[in-house]
Amino acid sequence: MYHNPVLLKASVDGLGIKADGVYVDVTYGGGGHSKEILKRLGPKGRLFAFDQDEEALENKVDDDRLTLINENFRYIKQFLKFYGIRKVDGILADFGVSSHQFDKAERGFSTRFDADLDMRMSQKGIVSAYDVVNSYSYDDLRRVLFQYGDLRNANAMANTIIMSREEAPIKTSAQLKEVLGRFLPKHKEHKILAQIYQAIRIEVNQEIEVIKEFLMQVPELLNPGGRLSVISYHSLEDRLVKRFIRSGLFEGEPEKDFYGNVDVPLKKVGGLIVPSKEEIATNNRARSAKLRIAERI
């Protein structure tokens, strides 16, 4: 079961769709955002969609205007070029993990089920959660848990994992939970487990690197006046998007010319958009969503 798309109307409105335009949905999932884009396109419009998860291909809608590409969106420019597309009028990205992936126990994404440590968004992925937990050094484990999970006990957690795996490999989510049991007080167990899973998942799928690589290609792909519409779910992602829209960089400040002007490729459109209380009530995964829209100058 795929989720109801988060911020559906606002994110697609943000693209300012032209009937004969060319658009890209880089996170196809259940196809919710893509279906809404197709509704607004005329017969000559085109939509390219990406999803690295093989299971998402089962949701492809039967529409000649849609091309669904089973690849990671970090390769957006390369694959659009393959299809003869060098410029597009809008790009939409929803960085959330689909509820379908959470709900399939064997994928290992959810804290609700006991499953092998996997968490790969694409089954072609080389590194799994098992590899992160059982082969990463203390420093790398600590970095992953602290940077991607905001876990204050990252040092002690990393140490505990390493001591435990010396006795025997940690193969399943139940074993990982047992190993880290002393860091999981009953009243906070679900929250802390979710942070641990988030940290490992981001590392397994290189999510931060992927987002950076994707954003760097956006200005070159968008026509002048073309739009970028991005939904993020945690502060790391949102900070990257916000900084890139503002400065075209992820750190530091853009260089100024002789007159003190900066050459920034995008400009923000409107302010930050968050879901309404009504949407959060009907779709819990919307609670942390943040939408930012930008336009190619």
C-alpha atoms as a PDB file:
ATOM      1  CA  MET A   1       0.000   0.000   0.000  1.00  0.00           C
ATOM      2  CA  TYR A   2       1.492   3.351  -1.037  1.00  0.00           C
ATOM      3  CA  HIS A   3       0.806   6.484   0.964  1.00  0.00           C
ATOM      4  CA  ASN A   4      -1.357   9.442   0.107  1.00  0.00           C
ATOM      5  CA  PRO A   5       1.114  11.952  -1.326  1.00  0.00           C
ATOM      6  CA  VAL A   6       2.111  14.647   1.144  1.00  0.00           C
ATOM      7  CA  LEU A   7       1.360  18.291   0.235  1.00  0.00           C
ATOM      8  CA  LEU A   8       0.020  17.053  -3.105  1.00  0.00           C
ATOM      9  CA  LYS A   9      -1.773  20.175  -4.325  1.00  0.00           C
ATOM     10  CA  ALA A  10       0.759  22.692  -2.991  1.00  0.00           C
ATOM     11  CA  SER A  11       3.789  20.857  -4.418  1.00  0.00           C
ATOM     12  CA  VAL A  12       2.252  20.464  -7.885  1.00  0.00           C
ATOM     13  CA  ASP A  13       0.830  24.018  -7.821  1.00  0.00           C
ATOM     14  CA  GLY A  14       4.394  25.129  -7.112  1.00  0.00           C
ATOM     15  CA  LEU A  15       5.519  23.823 -10.502  1.00  0.00           C
ATOM     16  CA  GLY A  16       3.237  26.306 -12.303  1.00  0.00           C
ATOM     17  CA  ILE A  17       2.524  23.651 -14.934  1.00  0.00           C
ATOM     18  CA  LYS A  18       2.306  24.604 -18.610  1.00  0.00           C
ATOM     19  CA  ALA A  19       0.125  22.265 -20.681  1.00  0.00           C
ATOM     20  CA  ASP A  20       2.854  21.498 -23.227  1.00  0.00           C
ATOM     21  CA  GLY A  21       5.785  21.536 -20.763  1.00  0.00           C
ATOM     22  CA  VAL A  22       8.298  18.841 -19.841  1.00  0.00           C
ATOM     23  CA  TYR A  23       8.364  17.858 -16.153  1.00  0.00           C
ATOM     24  CA  VAL A  24      10.222  15.421 -13.911  1.00  0.00           C
ATOM     25  CA  ASP A  25       9.020  13.634 -10.758  1.00  0.00           C
ATOM     26  CA  VAL A  26      12.239  12.228  -9.281  1.00  0.00           C
ATOM     27  CA  THR A  27      10.489  10.186  -6.562  1.00  0.00           C
ATOM     28  CA  TYR A  28       7.659   8.288  -8.285  1.00  0.00           C
ATOM     29  CA  GLY A  29       6.708   5.876  -5.459  1.00  0.00           C
ATOM     30  CA  GLY A  30       3.006   5.173  -5.690  1.00  0.00           C
ATOM     31  CA  GLY A  31       2.661   7.683  -8.518  1.00  0.00           C
ATOM     32  CA  GLY A  32       0.481  10.172  -6.610  1.00  0.00           C
ATOM     33  CA  HIS A  33       2.378  13.334  -7.540  1.00  0.00           C
ATOM     34  CA  SER A  34       2.902  12.096 -11.101  1.00  0.00           C
ATOM     35  CA  LYS A  35      -0.823  11.451 -11.598  1.00  0.00           C
ATOM     36  CA  GLU A  36      -1.575  15.016 -10.471  1.00  0.00           C
ATOM     37  CA  ILE A  37       1.032  16.425 -12.888  1.00  0.00           C
ATOM     38  CA  LEU A  38      -0.401  14.338 -15.763  1.00  0.00           C
ATOM     39  CA  LYS A  39      -3.901  15.677 -14.989  1.00  0.00           C
ATOM     40  CA  ARG A  40      -2.612  19.196 -15.621  1.00  0.00           C
ATOM     41  CA  LEU A  41      -0.588  18.425 -18.755  1.00  0.00           C
ATOM     42  CA  GLY A  42      -2.038  18.655 -22.258  1.00  0.00           C
ATOM     43  CA  PRO A  43      -1.592  15.992 -24.960  1.00  0.00           C
ATOM     44  CA  LYS A  44       1.824  17.385 -25.928  1.00  0.00           C
ATOM     45  CA  GLY A  45       3.158  17.604 -22.365  1.00  0.00           C
ATOM     46  CA  ARG A  46       5.717  15.083 -21.133  1.00  0.00           C
ATOM     47  CA  LEU A  47       6.561  13.669 -17.735  1.00  0.00           C
ATOM     48  CA  PHE A  48       9.691  11.740 -16.819  1.00  0.00           C
ATOM     49  CA  ALA A  49       9.713   9.973 -13.463  1.00  0.00           C
ATOM     50  CA  PHE A  50      12.478   8.242 -11.508  1.00  0.00           C
ATOM     51  CA  ASP A  51      12.360   5.544  -8.841  1.00  0.00           C
ATOM     52  CA  GLN A  52      15.216   3.229  -7.906  1.00  0.00           C
ATOM     53  CA  ASP A  53      12.868   0.780  -6.154  1.00  0.00           C
ATOM     54  CA  GLU A  54      11.936  -2.010  -8.562  1.00  0.00           C
ATOM     55  CA  GLU A  55       8.579  -2.421  -6.790  1.00  0.00           C
ATOM     56  CA  ALA A  56       7.542   1.129  -7.761  1.00  0.00           C
ATOM     57  CA  LEU A  57       7.433   0.008 -11.414  1.00  0.00           C
ATOM     58  CA  GLU A  58       4.273  -1.964 -10.595  1.00  0.00           C
ATOM     59  CA  ASN A  59       2.496   1.376 -10.084  1.00  0.00           C
ATOM     60  CA  LYS A  60       3.242   2.801 -13.526  1.00  0.00           C
ATOM     61  CA  VAL A  61       0.134   4.480 -14.931  1.00  0.00           C
ATOM     62  CA  ASP A  62      -0.747   3.692 -18.525  1.00  0.00           C
ATOM     63  CA  ASP A  63      -0.107   7.058 -20.173  1.00  0.00           C
ATOM     64  CA  ASP A  64       1.974   7.684 -23.298  1.00  0.00           C
ATOM     65  CA  ARG A  65       3.154  11.016 -21.870  1.00  0.00           C
ATOM     66  CA  LEU A  66       4.894   9.267 -18.941  1.00  0.00           C
ATOM     67  CA  THR A  67       8.356   7.671 -19.057  1.00  0.00           C
ATOM     68  CA  LEU A  68       9.246   5.878 -15.788  1.00  0.00           C
ATOM     69  CA  ILE A  69      12.975   5.310 -15.253  1.00  0.00           C
ATOM     70  CA  ASN A  70      14.088   2.654 -12.732  1.00  0.00           C
ATOM     71  CA  GLU A  71      17.146   4.547 -11.504  1.00  0.00           C
ATOM     72  CA  ASN A  72      18.332   6.748  -8.653  1.00  0.00           C
ATOM     73  CA  PHE A  73      17.603  10.424  -9.282  1.00  0.00           C
ATOM     74  CA  ARG A  74      21.256  11.290  -8.674  1.00  0.00           C
ATOM     75  CA  TYR A  75      21.616  10.328 -12.374  1.00  0.00           C
ATOM     76  CA  ILE A  76      18.837  12.670 -13.549  1.00  0.00           C
ATOM     77  CA  LYS A  77      20.863  14.582 -16.161  1.00  0.00           C
ATOM     78  CA  GLN A  78      22.433  11.464 -17.643  1.00  0.00           C
ATOM     79  CA  PHE A  79      19.110   9.655 -18.131  1.00  0.00           C
ATOM     80  CA  LEU A  80      17.196  12.676 -19.419  1.00  0.00           C
ATOM     81  CA  LYS A  81      19.988  13.151 -21.968  1.00  0.00           C
ATOM     82  CA  PHE A  82      19.537   9.514 -23.019  1.00  0.00           C
ATOM     83  CA  TYR A  83      15.904  10.376 -23.843  1.00  0.00           C
ATOM     84  CA  GLY A  84      16.984  13.491 -25.749  1.00  0.00           C
ATOM     85  CA  ILE A  85      15.935  15.919 -22.998  1.00  0.00           C
ATOM     86  CA  ARG A  86      18.370  18.686 -22.053  1.00  0.00           C
ATOM     87  CA  LYS A  87      15.984  21.218 -20.492  1.00  0.00           C
ATOM     88  CA  VAL A  88      12.771  20.841 -18.492  1.00  0.00           C
ATOM     89  CA  ASP A  89      10.094  23.188 -17.139  1.00  0.00           C
ATOM     90  CA  GLY A  90       9.810  21.763 -13.645  1.00  0.00           C
ATOM     91  CA  ILE A  91      11.201  19.172 -11.238  1.00  0.00           C
ATOM     92  CA  LEU A  92       9.397  17.739  -8.200  1.00  0.00           C
ATOM     93  CA  ALA A  93      11.084  15.781  -5.395  1.00  0.00           C
ATOM     94  CA  ASP A  94       9.567  14.159  -2.289  1.00  0.00           C
ATOM     95  CA  PHE A  95      12.455  12.916  -0.146  1.00  0.00           C
ATOM     96  CA  GLY A  96      10.304  10.762   2.131  1.00  0.00           C
ATOM     97  CA  VAL A  97      10.541   6.974   2.328  1.00  0.00           C
ATOM     98  CA  SER A  98       7.325   5.512   0.935  1.00  0.00           C
ATOM     99  CA  SER A  99       4.967   3.925   3.442  1.00  0.00           C
ATOM    100  CA  HIS A 100       5.003   0.877   1.159  1.00  0.00           C
ATOM    101  CA  GLN A 101       8.680   0.391   2.031  1.00  0.00           C
ATOM    102  CA  PHE A 102       7.932   0.830   5.735  1.00  0.00           C
ATOM    103  CA  ASP A 103       5.018  -1.609   5.568  1.00  0.00           C
ATOM    104  CA  LYS A 104       6.902  -4.471   3.911  1.00  0.00           C
ATOM    105  CA  ALA A 105       8.501  -6.202   6.882  1.00  0.00           C
ATOM    106  CA  GLU A 106      11.214  -7.936   4.860  1.00  0.00           C
ATOM    107  CA  ARG A 107      12.631  -4.610   3.607  1.00  0.00           C
ATOM    108  CA  GLY A 108      13.819  -3.900   7.161  1.00  0.00           C
ATOM    109  CA  PHE A 109      12.832  -0.205   7.207  1.00  0.00           C
ATOM    110  CA  SER A 110      10.350  -0.337  10.061  1.00  0.00           C
ATOM    111  CA  THR A 111      10.844  -0.570  13.816  1.00  0.00           C
ATOM    112  CA  ARG A 112       7.503  -2.452  13.982  1.00  0.00           C
ATOM    113  CA  PHE A 113       8.755  -5.725  12.526  1.00  0.00           C
ATOM    114  CA  ASP A 114      11.598  -8.135  13.148  1.00  0.00           C
ATOM    115  CA  ALA A 115      13.454  -8.520   9.854  1.00  0.00           C
ATOM    116  CA  ASP A 116      16.940  -8.920   8.455  1.00  0.00           C
ATOM    117  CA  LEU A 117      18.905  -5.668   8.569  1.00  0.00           C
ATOM    118  CA  ASP A 118      18.511  -4.441   4.984  1.00  0.00           C
ATOM    119  CA  MET A 119      17.051  -0.908   4.402  1.00  0.00           C
ATOM    120  CA  ARG A 120      18.184  -0.675   0.770  1.00  0.00           C
ATOM    121  CA  MET A 121      15.796   1.440  -1.309  1.00  0.00           C
ATOM    122  CA  SER A 122      17.010  -0.423  -4.371  1.00  0.00           C
ATOM    123  CA  GLN A 123      17.697  -4.140  -4.215  1.00  0.00           C
ATOM    124  CA  LYS A 124      20.683  -3.429  -6.490  1.00  0.00           C
ATOM    125  CA  GLY A 125      22.323  -1.514  -3.628  1.00  0.00           C
ATOM    126  CA  ILE A 126      25.645  -2.976  -2.476  1.00  0.00           C
ATOM    127  CA  VAL A 127      25.663  -1.778   1.158  1.00  0.00           C
ATOM    128  CA  SER A 128      22.878  -2.904   3.498  1.00  0.00           C
ATOM    129  CA  ALA A 129      22.061  -2.047   7.107  1.00  0.00           C
ATOM    130  CA  TYR A 130      23.768  -5.323   8.059  1.00  0.00           C
ATOM    131  CA  ASP A 131      27.038  -4.021   6.587  1.00  0.00           C
ATOM    132  CA  VAL A 132      26.786  -0.681   8.404  1.00  0.00           C
ATOM    133  CA  VAL A 133      26.056  -2.320  11.770  1.00  0.00           C
ATOM    134  CA  ASN A 134      28.587  -5.153  11.454  1.00  0.00           C
ATOM    135  CA  SER A 135      31.537  -3.714   9.548  1.00  0.00           C
ATOM    136  CA  TYR A 136      31.710   0.060  10.156  1.00  0.00           C
ATOM    137  CA  SER A 137      34.491   1.328  12.412  1.00  0.00           C
ATOM    138  CA  TYR A 138      33.701   2.986  15.735  1.00  0.00           C
ATOM    139  CA  ASP A 139      34.311   6.451  14.237  1.00  0.00           C
ATOM    140  CA  ASP A 140      32.058   5.817  11.247  1.00  0.00           C
ATOM    141  CA  LEU A 141      29.248   4.328  13.347  1.00  0.00           C
ATOM    142  CA  ARG A 142      29.433   7.260  15.756  1.00  0.00           C
ATOM    143  CA  ARG A 143      29.333   9.720  12.843  1.00  0.00           C
ATOM    144  CA  VAL A 144      26.296   8.035  11.264  1.00  0.00           C
ATOM    145  CA  LEU A 145      24.315   7.897  14.525  1.00  0.00           C
ATOM    146  CA  PHE A 146      25.182  11.457  15.512  1.00  0.00           C
ATOM    147  CA  GLN A 147      24.917  13.237  12.150  1.00  0.00           C
ATOM    148  CA  TYR A 148      21.924  11.431  10.685  1.00  0.00           C
ATOM    149  CA  GLY A 149      20.035  10.430  13.828  1.00  0.00           C
ATOM    150  CA  ASP A 150      20.710  13.411  16.137  1.00  0.00           C
ATOM    151  CA  LEU A 151      21.506  10.833  18.840  1.00  0.00           C
ATOM    152  CA  ARG A 152      23.249  12.278  21.886  1.00  0.00           C
ATOM    153  CA  ASN A 153      24.425   8.837  22.965  1.00  0.00           C
ATOM    154  CA  ALA A 154      26.061   8.131  19.587  1.00  0.00           C
ATOM    155  CA  ASN A 155      29.482   7.399  21.147  1.00  0.00           C
ATOM    156  CA  ALA A 156      28.155   4.900  23.681  1.00  0.00           C
ATOM    157  CA  MET A 157      25.784   3.318  21.147  1.00  0.00           C
ATOM    158  CA  ALA A 158      28.618   2.798  18.630  1.00  0.00           C
ATOM    159  CA  ASN A 159      30.774   1.259  21.338  1.00  0.00           C
ATOM    160  CA  THR A 160      27.966  -1.076  22.451  1.00  0.00           C
ATOM    161  CA  ILE A 161      27.347  -2.257  18.864  1.00  0.00           C
ATOM    162  CA  ILE A 162      31.053  -2.997  18.339  1.00  0.00           C
ATOM    163  CA  MET A 163      31.385  -4.916  21.623  1.00  0.00           C
ATOM    164  CA  SER A 164      28.268  -6.957  20.846  1.00  0.00           C
ATOM    165  CA  ARG A 165      29.211  -7.844  17.262  1.00  0.00           C
ATOM    166  CA  GLU A 166      32.569  -9.189  18.461  1.00  0.00           C
ATOM    167  CA  GLU A 167      30.573 -11.940  20.194  1.00  0.00           C
ATOM    168  CA  ALA A 168      28.277 -12.615  17.208  1.00  0.00           C
ATOM    169  CA  PRO A 169      27.003 -10.699  14.132  1.00  0.00           C
ATOM    170  CA  ILE A 170      23.895  -8.539  14.606  1.00  0.00           C
ATOM    171  CA  LYS A 171      21.610  -9.868  11.864  1.00  0.00           C
ATOM    172  CA  THR A 172      18.077  -8.672  12.586  1.00  0.00           C
ATOM    173  CA  SER A 173      16.230  -5.594  13.800  1.00  0.00           C
ATOM    174  CA  ALA A 174      15.208  -7.493  16.967  1.00  0.00           C
ATOM    175  CA  GLN A 175      18.861  -8.252  17.736  1.00  0.00           C
ATOM    176  CA  LEU A 176      19.839  -4.607  17.165  1.00  0.00           C
ATOM    177  CA  LYS A 177      17.041  -3.496  19.476  1.00  0.00           C
ATOM    178  CA  GLU A 178      18.208  -5.955  22.129  1.00  0.00           C
ATOM    179  CA  VAL A 179      21.849  -4.821  21.823  1.00  0.00           C
ATOM    180  CA  LEU A 180      20.833  -1.173  22.280  1.00  0.00           C
ATOM    181  CA  GLY A 181      18.180  -1.936  24.900  1.00  0.00           C
ATOM    182  CA  ARG A 182      19.786   0.136  27.660  1.00  0.00           C
ATOM    183  CA  PHE A 183      19.436   3.276  25.482  1.00  0.00           C
ATOM    184  CA  LEU A 184      15.704   2.688  24.949  1.00  0.00           C
ATOM    185  CA  PRO A 185      13.683   3.782  27.997  1.00  0.00           C
ATOM    186  CA  LYS A 186      10.078   2.617  27.639  1.00  0.00           C
ATOM    187  CA  HIS A 187       8.573   6.137  27.315  1.00  0.00           C
ATOM    188  CA  LYS A 188      11.005   7.050  24.505  1.00  0.00           C
ATOM    189  CA  GLU A 189      11.676   3.676  22.928  1.00  0.00           C
ATOM    190  CA  HIS A 190       9.812   4.257  19.663  1.00  0.00           C
ATOM    191  CA  LYS A 191      11.267   7.737  19.112  1.00  0.00           C
ATOM    192  CA  ILE A 192      14.896   6.708  19.737  1.00  0.00           C
ATOM    193  CA  LEU A 193      14.552   3.537  17.645  1.00  0.00           C
ATOM    194  CA  ALA A 194      13.153   5.647  14.797  1.00  0.00           C
ATOM    195  CA  GLN A 195      16.194   7.939  15.030  1.00  0.00           C
ATOM    196  CA  ILE A 196      18.567   4.943  14.962  1.00  0.00           C
ATOM    197  CA  TYR A 197      16.789   3.465  11.928  1.00  0.00           C
ATOM    198  CA  GLN A 198      16.742   6.841  10.181  1.00  0.00           C
ATOM    199  CA  ALA A 199      20.497   7.251  10.685  1.00  0.00           C
ATOM    200  CA  ILE A 200      21.321   3.793   9.308  1.00  0.00           C
ATOM    201  CA  ARG A 201      18.878   4.160   6.394  1.00  0.00           C
ATOM    202  CA  ILE A 202      20.372   7.512   5.335  1.00  0.00           C
ATOM    203  CA  GLU A 203      23.863   5.964   5.363  1.00  0.00           C
ATOM    204  CA  VAL A 204      22.828   2.793   3.495  1.00  0.00           C
ATOM    205  CA  ASN A 205      21.186   4.789   0.703  1.00  0.00           C
ATOM    206  CA  GLN A 206      23.686   7.698   0.710  1.00  0.00           C
ATOM    207  CA  GLU A 207      20.662   9.979   0.921  1.00  0.00           C
ATOM    208  CA  ILE A 208      22.538  13.198   1.738  1.00  0.00           C
ATOM    209  CA  GLU A 209      25.086  12.701  -1.064  1.00  0.00           C
ATOM    210  CA  VAL A 210      22.266  11.842  -3.486  1.00  0.00           C
ATOM    211  CA  ILE A 211      20.345  15.024  -2.624  1.00  0.00           C
ATOM    212  CA  LYS A 212      23.479  17.153  -3.092  1.00  0.00           C
ATOM    213  CA  GLU A 213      24.298  15.555  -6.448  1.00  0.00           C
ATOM    214  CA  PHE A 214      20.693  16.010  -7.578  1.00  0.00           C
ATOM    215  CA  LEU A 215      20.433  19.664  -6.533  1.00  0.00           C
ATOM    216  CA  MET A 216      23.717  20.537  -8.259  1.00  0.00           C
ATOM    217  CA  GLN A 217      22.220  19.407 -11.589  1.00  0.00           C
ATOM    218  CA  VAL A 218      18.921  21.276 -11.218  1.00  0.00           C
ATOM    219  CA  PRO A 219      19.976  24.777 -12.422  1.00  0.00           C
ATOM    220  CA  GLU A 220      21.475  23.362 -15.611  1.00  0.00           C
ATOM    221  CA  LEU A 221      18.338  21.313 -16.341  1.00  0.00           C
ATOM    222  CA  LEU A 222      15.687  23.963 -15.723  1.00  0.00           C
ATOM    223  CA  ASN A 223      14.602  26.377 -18.430  1.00  0.00           C
ATOM    224  CA  PRO A 224      14.554  30.045 -17.318  1.00  0.00           C
ATOM    225  CA  GLY A 225      11.363  30.398 -15.280  1.00  0.00           C
ATOM    226  CA  GLY A 226      11.309  26.630 -14.675  1.00  0.00           C
ATOM    227  CA  ARG A 227      10.388  25.536 -11.165  1.00  0.00           C
ATOM    228  CA  LEU A 228      11.800  23.238  -8.489  1.00  0.00           C
ATOM    229  CA  SER A 229       9.372  21.906  -5.869  1.00  0.00           C
ATOM    230  CA  VAL A 230      10.961  19.945  -2.989  1.00  0.00           C
ATOM    231  CA  ILE A 231       9.449  18.204   0.047  1.00  0.00           C
ATOM    232  CA  SER A 232      11.887  17.376   2.885  1.00  0.00           C
ATOM    233  CA  TYR A 233      11.259  15.507   6.142  1.00  0.00           C
ATOM    234  CA  HIS A 234      14.155  16.221   8.433  1.00  0.00           C
ATOM    235  CA  SER A 235      16.337  19.210   9.158  1.00  0.00           C
ATOM    236  CA  LEU A 236      19.444  17.905   7.391  1.00  0.00           C
ATOM    237  CA  GLU A 237      17.616  17.652   4.058  1.00  0.00           C
ATOM    238  CA  ASP A 238      15.719  20.891   4.505  1.00  0.00           C
ATOM    239  CA  ARG A 239      18.898  22.804   5.385  1.00  0.00           C
ATOM    240  CA  LEU A 240      20.569  21.575   2.190  1.00  0.00           C
ATOM    241  CA  VAL A 241      17.584  22.616   0.057  1.00  0.00           C
ATOM    242  CA  LYS A 242      17.232  26.013   1.756  1.00  0.00           C
ATOM    243  CA  ARG A 243      20.951  26.822   1.425  1.00  0.00           C
ATOM    244  CA  PHE A 244      21.109  25.694  -2.184  1.00  0.00           C
ATOM    245  CA  ILE A 245      18.116  27.818  -3.179  1.00  0.00           C
ATOM    246  CA  ARG A 246      19.590  30.822  -1.388  1.00  0.00           C
ATOM    247  CA  SER A 247      23.201  30.579  -2.534  1.00  0.00           C
ATOM    248  CA  GLY A 248      23.660  27.743  -5.038  1.00  0.00           C
ATOM    249  CA  LEU A 249      26.034  26.179  -2.486  1.00  0.00           C
ATOM    250  CA  PHE A 250      25.835  23.815   0.503  1.00  0.00           C
ATOM    251  CA  GLU A 251      28.425  25.633   2.586  1.00  0.00           C
ATOM    252  CA  GLY A 252      30.189  28.972   2.507  1.00  0.00           C
ATOM    253  CA  GLU A 253      28.904  31.999   0.623  1.00  0.00           C
ATOM    254  CA  PRO A 254      28.783  32.665  -3.135  1.00  0.00           C
ATOM    255  CA  GLU A 255      31.464  34.915  -4.630  1.00  0.00           C
ATOM    256  CA  LYS A 256      30.541  38.508  -5.373  1.00  0.00           C
ATOM    257  CA  ASP A 257      31.459  40.290  -8.575  1.00  0.00           C
ATOM    258  CA  PHE A 258      33.158  43.705  -8.753  1.00  0.00           C
ATOM    259  CA  TYR A 259      29.832  45.430  -7.994  1.00  0.00           C
ATOM    260  CA  GLY A 260      29.010  43.214  -5.008  1.00  0.00           C
ATOM    261  CA  ASN A 261      26.409  41.137  -6.865  1.00  0.00           C
ATOM    262  CA  VAL A 262      26.183  37.365  -6.530  1.00  0.00           C
ATOM    263  CA  ASP A 263      25.306  35.021  -9.382  1.00  0.00           C
ATOM    264  CA  VAL A 264      22.768  32.664  -7.833  1.00  0.00           C
ATOM    265  CA  PRO A 265      20.893  30.422 -10.301  1.00  0.00           C
ATOM    266  CA  LEU A 266      17.626  30.047  -8.373  1.00  0.00           C
ATOM    267  CA  LYS A 267      15.297  32.366  -6.504  1.00  0.00           C
ATOM    268  CA  LYS A 268      12.827  31.229  -3.892  1.00  0.00           C
ATOM    269  CA  VAL A 269       9.122  31.416  -4.642  1.00  0.00           C
ATOM    270  CA  GLY A 270       7.000  32.219  -1.588  1.00  0.00           C
ATOM    271  CA  GLY A 271       7.885  31.011   1.886  1.00  0.00           C
ATOM    272  CA  LEU A 272       8.137  27.662   3.597  1.00  0.00           C
ATOM    273  CA  ILE A 273       4.949  25.580   3.221  1.00  0.00           C
ATOM    274  CA  VAL A 274       3.943  23.004   5.840  1.00  0.00           C
ATOM    275  CA  PRO A 275       0.920  20.671   5.958  1.00  0.00           C
ATOM    276  CA  SER A 276      -2.336  21.777   7.546  1.00  0.00           C
ATOM    277  CA  LYS A 277      -3.564  20.241  10.814  1.00  0.00           C
ATOM    278  CA  GLU A 278      -6.226  18.461   8.756  1.00  0.00           C
ATOM    279  CA  GLU A 279      -3.642  16.815   6.475  1.00  0.00           C
ATOM    280  CA  ILE A 280      -1.529  15.713   9.448  1.00  0.00           C
ATOM    281  CA  ALA A 281      -4.640  14.235  11.101  1.00  0.00           C
ATOM    282  CA  THR A 282      -5.376  12.092   8.026  1.00  0.00           C
ATOM    283  CA  ASN A 283      -1.756  11.358   7.056  1.00  0.00           C
ATOM    284  CA  ASN A 284       0.620  11.049   9.995  1.00  0.00           C
ATOM    285  CA  ARG A 285       3.756  10.947   7.844  1.00  0.00           C
ATOM    286  CA  ALA A 286       3.025  14.549   6.781  1.00  0.00           C
ATOM    287  CA  ARG A 287       3.779  15.890  10.267  1.00  0.00           C
ATOM    288  CA  SER A 288       7.431  16.772   9.590  1.00  0.00           C
ATOM    289  CA  ALA A 289       7.103  17.691   5.895  1.00  0.00           C
ATOM    290  CA  LYS A 290       8.446  21.005   4.593  1.00  0.00           C
ATOM    291  CA  LEU A 291       7.921  22.263   1.050  1.00  0.00           C
ATOM    292  CA  ARG A 292      10.189  24.800  -0.643  1.00  0.00           C
ATOM    293  CA  ILE A 293       9.730  26.130  -4.161  1.00  0.00           C
ATOM    294  CA  ALA A 294      12.305  27.876  -6.344  1.00  0.00           C
ATOM    295  CA  GLU A 295      12.489  29.268  -9.866  1.00  0.00           C
ATOM    296  CA  ARG A 296      15.344  29.277 -12.357  1.00  0.00           C
ATOM    297  CA  ILE A 297      16.443  32.860 -12.943  1.00  0.00           C
END
